[in-house]
Amino acid sequence: MRAALLLAWLALPTSLALPVSLALPAGAAEERLSGEAFRELSEGYTLHFDLDGTHFGSEQYLPGQRSLWRFGEDGCERGVWFERDGAICFSYDGQPDLQCWVVARRDGQVFVRTIDDAEGLAELRMTRRDREPLACPGPNVGV
């Protein structure tokens, strides 16, 4: 999951940005996922995420806390994940910045938001979980 891409989206002029109405509703009960709960949810699966109803990206989770991230229809990036201070953090090959996310269940669905987005203004929603490997075009093909 690429926080930099999400933050770039947030920096768009208001006239170009999609309307975002994903802030946490008042009184919404949220269960944050621990590293172990996240492993149970993700390992061996590909998770698909949307932002305000539009496909954002997909990530395939491999044994050993490894992952393969694909933003939209772009190529794939290899990464590793770990739990840090209650967040799930990712380190991707060739990317200097660590990407840390709050992963939570709310109303029977899974949501993720960067640790810098406490209000959930640009929250991603997991739309699907399957066992299909990612199709990775370009130089980072395969797992």
N, C-alpha and C. Protein backbone atom coordinates (compact mmCIF):
# COMPACT_ATOMS: atom_id res chain seq x y z
N MET A 1 0.85 -1.17 0.00
CA MET A 1 0.00 0.00 0.00
C MET A 1 0.89 1.23 0.00
N ARG A 2 0.63 2.10 -0.85
CA ARG A 2 1.52 3.22 -1.03
C ARG A 2 0.94 4.50 -0.47
N ALA A 3 1.37 4.87 0.70
CA ALA A 3 0.89 6.10 1.33
C ALA A 3 1.26 7.31 0.50
N ALA A 4 2.42 7.29 -0.16
CA ALA A 4 2.83 8.44 -0.95
C ALA A 4 1.82 8.72 -2.06
N LEU A 5 1.32 7.67 -2.71
CA LEU A 5 0.32 7.86 -3.75
C LEU A 5 -0.97 8.40 -3.17
N LEU A 6 -1.35 7.90 -2.02
CA LEU A 6 -2.56 8.37 -1.37
C LEU A 6 -2.41 9.84 -0.96
N LEU A 7 -1.26 10.18 -0.41
CA LEU A 7 -1.03 11.57 -0.01
C LEU A 7 -0.99 12.49 -1.22
N ALA A 8 -0.46 12.00 -2.34
CA ALA A 8 -0.47 12.79 -3.57
C ALA A 8 -1.91 13.04 -4.02
N TRP A 9 -2.74 12.04 -3.91
CA TRP A 9 -4.16 12.19 -4.26
C TRP A 9 -4.80 13.25 -3.38
N LEU A 10 -4.47 13.23 -2.09
CA LEU A 10 -5.04 14.21 -1.17
C LEU A 10 -4.60 15.63 -1.50
N ALA A 11 -3.45 15.77 -2.14
CA ALA A 11 -2.92 17.10 -2.45
C ALA A 11 -3.54 17.69 -3.72
N LEU A 12 -4.37 16.92 -4.43
CA LEU A 12 -5.00 17.43 -5.64
C LEU A 12 -5.88 18.63 -5.32
N PRO A 13 -5.98 19.57 -6.23
CA PRO A 13 -6.92 20.68 -6.01
C PRO A 13 -8.33 20.12 -5.82
N THR A 14 -9.11 20.78 -5.00
CA THR A 14 -10.45 20.31 -4.68
C THR A 14 -11.26 20.02 -5.94
N SER A 15 -11.09 20.80 -6.97
CA SER A 15 -11.86 20.60 -8.19
C SER A 15 -11.52 19.30 -8.90
N LEU A 16 -10.33 18.74 -8.63
CA LEU A 16 -9.92 17.49 -9.29
C LEU A 16 -10.14 16.26 -8.42
N ALA A 17 -10.24 16.44 -7.14
CA ALA A 17 -10.35 15.31 -6.22
C ALA A 17 -11.77 14.77 -6.22
N LEU A 18 -11.87 13.45 -6.06
CA LEU A 18 -13.19 12.85 -5.91
C LEU A 18 -13.76 13.24 -4.55
N PRO A 19 -15.07 13.34 -4.42
CA PRO A 19 -15.61 13.63 -3.10
C PRO A 19 -15.30 12.48 -2.15
N VAL A 20 -14.87 12.82 -0.96
CA VAL A 20 -14.53 11.80 0.02
C VAL A 20 -15.44 11.95 1.22
N SER A 21 -16.21 10.90 1.49
CA SER A 21 -17.12 10.93 2.63
C SER A 21 -16.88 9.73 3.51
N LEU A 22 -15.59 9.39 3.67
CA LEU A 22 -15.25 8.18 4.39
C LEU A 22 -14.74 8.44 5.80
N ALA A 23 -14.91 9.61 6.32
CA ALA A 23 -14.46 9.87 7.69
C ALA A 23 -15.21 8.95 8.64
N LEU A 24 -14.58 8.63 9.74
CA LEU A 24 -15.21 7.73 10.70
C LEU A 24 -16.49 8.32 11.23
N PRO A 25 -17.60 7.60 11.12
CA PRO A 25 -18.84 8.11 11.67
C PRO A 25 -18.74 8.22 13.18
N ALA A 26 -19.44 9.20 13.74
CA ALA A 26 -19.44 9.38 15.19
C ALA A 26 -19.93 8.11 15.86
N GLY A 27 -19.18 7.62 16.83
CA GLY A 27 -19.60 6.45 17.58
C GLY A 27 -19.36 5.12 16.88
N ALA A 28 -18.69 5.12 15.72
CA ALA A 28 -18.46 3.87 15.01
C ALA A 28 -17.48 3.00 15.80
N ALA A 29 -17.89 1.77 16.09
CA ALA A 29 -17.02 0.85 16.83
C ALA A 29 -15.98 0.30 15.86
N GLU A 30 -14.72 0.40 16.26
CA GLU A 30 -13.62 -0.02 15.40
C GLU A 30 -12.74 -1.00 16.16
N GLU A 31 -12.37 -2.09 15.50
CA GLU A 31 -11.44 -3.06 16.07
C GLU A 31 -10.17 -3.03 15.25
N ARG A 32 -9.09 -2.50 15.84
CA ARG A 32 -7.81 -2.49 15.14
C ARG A 32 -7.23 -3.89 15.10
N LEU A 33 -6.66 -4.25 13.97
CA LEU A 33 -6.07 -5.57 13.81
C LEU A 33 -4.61 -5.54 14.26
N SER A 34 -4.25 -6.51 15.07
CA SER A 34 -2.86 -6.70 15.48
C SER A 34 -2.10 -7.33 14.31
N GLY A 35 -0.79 -7.43 14.45
CA GLY A 35 0.00 -8.10 13.42
C GLY A 35 -0.46 -9.52 13.19
N GLU A 36 -0.76 -10.24 14.26
CA GLU A 36 -1.21 -11.64 14.13
C GLU A 36 -2.57 -11.71 13.44
N ALA A 37 -3.50 -10.83 13.81
CA ALA A 37 -4.82 -10.81 13.17
C ALA A 37 -4.69 -10.43 11.69
N PHE A 38 -3.76 -9.51 11.39
CA PHE A 38 -3.55 -9.13 10.00
C PHE A 38 -2.97 -10.30 9.21
N ARG A 39 -2.05 -11.05 9.82
CA ARG A 39 -1.49 -12.22 9.14
C ARG A 39 -2.60 -13.23 8.83
N GLU A 40 -3.49 -13.46 9.78
CA GLU A 40 -4.60 -14.40 9.57
C GLU A 40 -5.51 -13.93 8.44
N LEU A 41 -5.73 -12.65 8.34
CA LEU A 41 -6.57 -12.08 7.29
C LEU A 41 -5.91 -12.17 5.92
N SER A 42 -4.60 -11.94 5.88
CA SER A 42 -3.94 -11.70 4.59
C SER A 42 -3.09 -12.83 4.02
N GLU A 43 -2.37 -13.58 4.85
CA GLU A 43 -1.39 -14.52 4.31
C GLU A 43 -2.06 -15.56 3.42
N GLY A 44 -1.53 -15.68 2.21
CA GLY A 44 -2.06 -16.63 1.23
C GLY A 44 -3.19 -16.04 0.39
N TYR A 45 -3.50 -14.77 0.60
CA TYR A 45 -4.60 -14.12 -0.11
C TYR A 45 -4.10 -12.88 -0.85
N THR A 46 -4.91 -12.45 -1.80
CA THR A 46 -4.74 -11.15 -2.42
C THR A 46 -5.91 -10.30 -1.95
N LEU A 47 -5.60 -9.13 -1.39
CA LEU A 47 -6.61 -8.20 -0.91
C LEU A 47 -6.74 -7.06 -1.91
N HIS A 48 -7.98 -6.66 -2.17
CA HIS A 48 -8.27 -5.61 -3.14
C HIS A 48 -8.91 -4.44 -2.40
N PHE A 49 -8.48 -3.21 -2.72
CA PHE A 49 -8.91 -2.02 -2.01
C PHE A 49 -9.49 -0.98 -2.95
N ASP A 50 -10.49 -0.24 -2.45
CA ASP A 50 -11.00 0.89 -3.21
C ASP A 50 -10.98 2.15 -2.36
N LEU A 51 -11.05 3.26 -3.04
CA LEU A 51 -11.12 4.57 -2.41
C LEU A 51 -12.36 5.25 -2.97
N ASP A 52 -13.34 5.43 -2.13
CA ASP A 52 -14.59 6.09 -2.51
C ASP A 52 -15.22 5.42 -3.73
N GLY A 53 -15.22 4.08 -3.73
CA GLY A 53 -15.88 3.33 -4.79
C GLY A 53 -15.05 3.08 -6.04
N THR A 54 -13.82 3.58 -6.09
CA THR A 54 -12.95 3.39 -7.24
C THR A 54 -11.77 2.50 -6.85
N HIS A 55 -11.47 1.50 -7.70
CA HIS A 55 -10.35 0.60 -7.40
C HIS A 55 -9.07 1.40 -7.16
N PHE A 56 -8.40 1.10 -6.04
CA PHE A 56 -7.17 1.80 -5.68
C PHE A 56 -5.96 0.92 -5.94
N GLY A 57 -6.02 -0.34 -5.51
CA GLY A 57 -4.89 -1.25 -5.69
C GLY A 57 -5.16 -2.59 -5.04
N SER A 58 -4.23 -3.52 -5.27
CA SER A 58 -4.35 -4.88 -4.73
C SER A 58 -2.99 -5.31 -4.20
N GLU A 59 -3.02 -6.15 -3.16
CA GLU A 59 -1.78 -6.63 -2.59
C GLU A 59 -1.90 -8.12 -2.30
N GLN A 60 -0.91 -8.86 -2.79
CA GLN A 60 -0.83 -10.31 -2.56
C GLN A 60 0.10 -10.54 -1.38
N TYR A 61 -0.35 -11.35 -0.43
CA TYR A 61 0.42 -11.59 0.79
C TYR A 61 0.98 -13.00 0.76
N LEU A 62 2.29 -13.08 0.91
CA LEU A 62 3.05 -14.31 0.79
C LEU A 62 3.58 -14.74 2.15
N PRO A 63 4.02 -15.99 2.27
CA PRO A 63 4.62 -16.43 3.53
C PRO A 63 5.82 -15.55 3.90
N GLY A 64 6.13 -15.51 5.20
CA GLY A 64 7.29 -14.75 5.66
C GLY A 64 7.05 -13.25 5.68
N GLN A 65 5.78 -12.84 5.78
CA GLN A 65 5.41 -11.44 5.84
C GLN A 65 5.89 -10.65 4.62
N ARG A 66 5.93 -11.33 3.48
CA ARG A 66 6.29 -10.69 2.22
C ARG A 66 4.99 -10.32 1.48
N SER A 67 5.08 -9.33 0.60
CA SER A 67 3.91 -8.94 -0.16
C SER A 67 4.31 -8.46 -1.55
N LEU A 68 3.31 -8.37 -2.38
CA LEU A 68 3.46 -7.86 -3.74
C LEU A 68 2.32 -6.88 -3.94
N TRP A 69 2.63 -5.59 -4.12
CA TRP A 69 1.64 -4.51 -4.21
C TRP A 69 1.50 -4.06 -5.66
N ARG A 70 0.27 -3.85 -6.09
CA ARG A 70 0.01 -3.31 -7.42
C ARG A 70 -0.98 -2.15 -7.28
N PHE A 71 -0.50 -0.94 -7.59
CA PHE A 71 -1.33 0.25 -7.54
C PHE A 71 -2.11 0.34 -8.84
N GLY A 72 -3.43 0.31 -8.78
CA GLY A 72 -4.26 0.40 -9.98
C GLY A 72 -3.85 -0.63 -11.00
N GLU A 73 -3.47 -0.19 -12.17
CA GLU A 73 -3.05 -1.09 -13.25
C GLU A 73 -1.55 -1.00 -13.49
N ASP A 74 -0.82 -0.37 -12.58
CA ASP A 74 0.63 -0.24 -12.72
C ASP A 74 1.32 -1.57 -12.46
N GLY A 75 2.65 -1.57 -12.57
CA GLY A 75 3.44 -2.75 -12.25
C GLY A 75 3.43 -3.03 -10.76
N CYS A 76 4.08 -4.11 -10.38
CA CYS A 76 4.07 -4.55 -8.98
C CYS A 76 5.36 -4.17 -8.26
N GLU A 77 5.25 -4.03 -6.95
CA GLU A 77 6.40 -3.76 -6.10
C GLU A 77 6.46 -4.81 -5.00
N ARG A 78 7.64 -5.34 -4.77
CA ARG A 78 7.84 -6.31 -3.70
C ARG A 78 8.03 -5.58 -2.38
N GLY A 79 7.51 -6.19 -1.32
CA GLY A 79 7.66 -5.58 -0.01
C GLY A 79 7.64 -6.59 1.10
N VAL A 80 7.88 -6.10 2.29
CA VAL A 80 7.74 -6.89 3.51
C VAL A 80 6.91 -6.04 4.47
N TRP A 81 6.19 -6.70 5.38
CA TRP A 81 5.39 -5.97 6.34
C TRP A 81 5.72 -6.44 7.75
N PHE A 82 5.42 -5.58 8.72
CA PHE A 82 5.63 -5.91 10.13
C PHE A 82 4.74 -4.99 10.96
N GLU A 83 4.50 -5.39 12.20
CA GLU A 83 3.72 -4.56 13.10
C GLU A 83 4.65 -3.63 13.87
N ARG A 84 4.24 -2.36 13.98
CA ARG A 84 5.01 -1.39 14.76
C ARG A 84 4.02 -0.44 15.43
N ASP A 85 4.06 -0.40 16.74
CA ASP A 85 3.23 0.53 17.52
C ASP A 85 1.75 0.46 17.13
N GLY A 86 1.25 -0.75 16.93
CA GLY A 86 -0.16 -0.94 16.62
C GLY A 86 -0.54 -0.70 15.17
N ALA A 87 0.43 -0.42 14.33
CA ALA A 87 0.18 -0.20 12.90
C ALA A 87 0.84 -1.33 12.11
N ILE A 88 0.38 -1.52 10.88
CA ILE A 88 1.00 -2.47 9.96
C ILE A 88 1.84 -1.64 9.00
N CYS A 89 3.16 -1.88 9.03
CA CYS A 89 4.09 -1.08 8.23
C CYS A 89 4.66 -1.91 7.10
N PHE A 90 4.90 -1.25 5.97
CA PHE A 90 5.43 -1.89 4.78
C PHE A 90 6.71 -1.20 4.35
N SER A 91 7.66 -2.02 3.91
CA SER A 91 8.88 -1.53 3.30
C SER A 91 8.93 -2.16 1.91
N TYR A 92 8.94 -1.31 0.88
CA TYR A 92 8.94 -1.79 -0.50
C TYR A 92 10.31 -1.60 -1.13
N ASP A 93 10.71 -2.55 -1.96
CA ASP A 93 11.99 -2.46 -2.67
C ASP A 93 12.07 -1.14 -3.43
N GLY A 94 13.18 -0.47 -3.28
CA GLY A 94 13.42 0.76 -4.01
C GLY A 94 12.68 1.98 -3.49
N GLN A 95 11.95 1.85 -2.40
CA GLN A 95 11.22 2.98 -1.83
C GLN A 95 11.85 3.33 -0.48
N PRO A 96 12.33 4.53 -0.31
CA PRO A 96 13.03 4.88 0.93
C PRO A 96 12.11 5.04 2.14
N ASP A 97 10.85 5.38 1.92
CA ASP A 97 9.95 5.66 3.04
C ASP A 97 9.14 4.44 3.45
N LEU A 98 9.04 4.26 4.75
CA LEU A 98 8.20 3.23 5.33
C LEU A 98 6.74 3.66 5.21
N GLN A 99 5.84 2.74 4.89
CA GLN A 99 4.42 3.02 4.75
C GLN A 99 3.69 2.33 5.91
N CYS A 100 3.10 3.09 6.83
CA CYS A 100 2.43 2.51 8.00
C CYS A 100 0.95 2.81 7.96
N TRP A 101 0.14 1.78 8.27
CA TRP A 101 -1.30 1.83 8.13
C TRP A 101 -1.99 1.31 9.39
N VAL A 102 -3.12 1.91 9.70
CA VAL A 102 -4.04 1.35 10.69
C VAL A 102 -4.97 0.45 9.90
N VAL A 103 -5.07 -0.81 10.32
CA VAL A 103 -5.99 -1.76 9.68
C VAL A 103 -7.05 -2.07 10.71
N ALA A 104 -8.31 -1.89 10.34
CA ALA A 104 -9.39 -2.04 11.31
C ALA A 104 -10.63 -2.67 10.68
N ARG A 105 -11.39 -3.36 11.54
CA ARG A 105 -12.71 -3.87 11.16
C ARG A 105 -13.74 -2.93 11.75
N ARG A 106 -14.74 -2.65 10.93
CA ARG A 106 -15.84 -1.81 11.38
C ARG A 106 -17.08 -2.23 10.58
N ASP A 107 -18.15 -2.48 11.28
CA ASP A 107 -19.41 -2.85 10.63
C ASP A 107 -19.22 -4.03 9.67
N GLY A 108 -18.39 -5.01 10.06
CA GLY A 108 -18.18 -6.21 9.26
C GLY A 108 -17.29 -6.04 8.05
N GLN A 109 -16.65 -4.88 7.90
CA GLN A 109 -15.76 -4.64 6.76
C GLN A 109 -14.38 -4.26 7.27
N VAL A 110 -13.39 -4.38 6.38
CA VAL A 110 -12.01 -4.03 6.73
C VAL A 110 -11.67 -2.72 6.03
N PHE A 111 -11.10 -1.79 6.81
CA PHE A 111 -10.68 -0.49 6.31
C PHE A 111 -9.23 -0.27 6.65
N VAL A 112 -8.52 0.49 5.84
CA VAL A 112 -7.13 0.87 6.13
C VAL A 112 -6.98 2.36 5.88
N ARG A 113 -6.13 2.98 6.71
CA ARG A 113 -5.81 4.39 6.53
C ARG A 113 -4.38 4.59 7.02
N THR A 114 -3.71 5.56 6.45
CA THR A 114 -2.34 5.81 6.88
C THR A 114 -2.36 6.32 8.32
N ILE A 115 -1.27 6.14 9.00
CA ILE A 115 -1.21 6.60 10.40
C ILE A 115 -1.30 8.11 10.48
N ASP A 116 -1.05 8.80 9.37
CA ASP A 116 -1.14 10.26 9.34
C ASP A 116 -2.57 10.75 9.08
N ASP A 117 -3.50 9.83 8.87
CA ASP A 117 -4.89 10.17 8.55
C ASP A 117 -5.80 9.72 9.68
N ALA A 118 -5.63 10.31 10.86
CA ALA A 118 -6.37 9.90 12.05
C ALA A 118 -7.88 10.00 11.88
N GLU A 119 -8.36 10.94 11.08
CA GLU A 119 -9.80 11.12 10.88
C GLU A 119 -10.36 10.18 9.82
N GLY A 120 -9.51 9.46 9.11
CA GLY A 120 -9.98 8.55 8.07
C GLY A 120 -10.54 9.26 6.86
N LEU A 121 -9.99 10.42 6.53
CA LEU A 121 -10.52 11.21 5.42
C LEU A 121 -10.26 10.57 4.06
N ALA A 122 -9.24 9.74 3.95
CA ALA A 122 -8.94 9.05 2.69
C ALA A 122 -8.76 7.56 2.96
N GLU A 123 -9.71 7.01 3.64
CA GLU A 123 -9.67 5.61 4.06
C GLU A 123 -9.94 4.69 2.87
N LEU A 124 -9.19 3.61 2.81
CA LEU A 124 -9.41 2.58 1.79
C LEU A 124 -10.26 1.48 2.39
N ARG A 125 -11.11 0.88 1.56
CA ARG A 125 -11.97 -0.22 2.01
C ARG A 125 -11.57 -1.48 1.25
N MET A 126 -11.41 -2.58 1.98
CA MET A 126 -11.13 -3.85 1.34
C MET A 126 -12.43 -4.32 0.69
N THR A 127 -12.39 -4.52 -0.62
CA THR A 127 -13.59 -4.91 -1.35
C THR A 127 -13.66 -6.40 -1.63
N ARG A 128 -12.49 -7.05 -1.63
CA ARG A 128 -12.46 -8.47 -1.98
C ARG A 128 -11.19 -9.10 -1.43
N ARG A 129 -11.29 -10.39 -1.14
CA ARG A 129 -10.15 -11.19 -0.71
C ARG A 129 -10.25 -12.48 -1.49
N ASP A 130 -9.20 -12.82 -2.24
CA ASP A 130 -9.22 -14.06 -3.01
C ASP A 130 -7.83 -14.68 -3.01
N ARG A 131 -7.70 -15.81 -3.64
CA ARG A 131 -6.40 -16.50 -3.69
C ARG A 131 -5.74 -16.39 -5.07
N GLU A 132 -6.24 -15.49 -5.90
CA GLU A 132 -5.66 -15.28 -7.22
C GLU A 132 -4.36 -14.49 -7.11
N PRO A 133 -3.28 -14.98 -7.72
CA PRO A 133 -2.04 -14.19 -7.70
C PRO A 133 -2.20 -12.93 -8.53
N LEU A 134 -1.44 -11.92 -8.21
CA LEU A 134 -1.48 -10.68 -8.99
C LEU A 134 -0.85 -10.90 -10.35
N ALA A 135 -1.42 -10.27 -11.34
CA ALA A 135 -0.79 -10.22 -12.67
C ALA A 135 0.11 -9.00 -12.64
N CYS A 136 1.39 -9.23 -12.81
CA CYS A 136 2.36 -8.14 -12.67
C CYS A 136 3.08 -7.88 -13.99
N PRO A 137 2.63 -6.85 -14.74
CA PRO A 137 3.33 -6.53 -15.98
C PRO A 137 4.64 -5.81 -15.70
N GLY A 138 5.51 -5.81 -16.67
CA GLY A 138 6.75 -5.04 -16.55
C GLY A 138 7.89 -5.81 -15.92
N PRO A 139 8.88 -5.07 -15.45
CA PRO A 139 10.12 -5.70 -14.97
C PRO A 139 9.97 -6.50 -13.69
N ASN A 140 8.97 -6.25 -12.87
CA ASN A 140 8.81 -6.98 -11.60
C ASN A 140 7.76 -8.07 -11.73
N VAL A 141 7.85 -8.86 -12.77
CA VAL A 141 6.85 -9.89 -13.04
C VAL A 141 6.99 -11.03 -12.05
N GLY A 142 5.85 -11.54 -11.59
CA GLY A 142 5.82 -12.72 -10.74
C GLY A 142 6.17 -12.45 -9.30
N VAL A 143 6.31 -13.54 -8.57
CA VAL A 143 6.54 -13.46 -7.13
C VAL A 143 7.99 -13.73 -6.83
